[in-house]
């Protein structure tokens, strides 16, 4: 889930030697810089969990209980239709992760949230997210930034699908995540691009020949 704020992209390489509040501060600093102590108050409302590869964080037709932020690792959001899936988002370090619509309205959706590799997630419950947004000006700013960024991201994603070829979108993905092929199963990348795995292989070969 590449989170956009105006012309900026939210999704970066985080320093693994930092603690949780330092990692989150690093990700947010380009957009609004606040003291580390403020982020400590934020992280006190959540928790860090470790996941395994292919761990389902949220099952289809259930309600999202947490909004997560990827400290380390990657994952995706899948829409299931009978036995077939469509990958509607790919998520990496420094990005929000989860079924945001379900999280906001606390209702079930058909989406599945899954990690692609062993990951570390910071997550905050809906109750604490609401507490954060209502109790402090700083907390409200975080919540508004998250909501606006996620909305902008989805709008840009839809525009890209309609205006760019699969090859153009793949090149952009690779530029944003140079190790995407090593970290993300190709069936999910292909589905995200709206093509078959065979077409993805062809695009990869064509791009390799140009370089």
Foldseek 3Di string as FASTA:
>chain_A
DFFDDVPDTQADDFDPVDDDLVRLQVRCVVPPHDDSVVSVVVLVQWDKDKDAAFDWPDAAFAADFKKKAFQAAWWFKWADDPHDIFTQDIGGHRDIFDDVVSQVVVGGHRMIITTRHITMIIIHGSVSLVVQCPPDPVSVVVVVSNVVRVVVVVVVLVVCLVPDALLVVVVVVCVSPVCCPVRPPLCNSQSNSVHHSVVVVVSVVVVVVVD
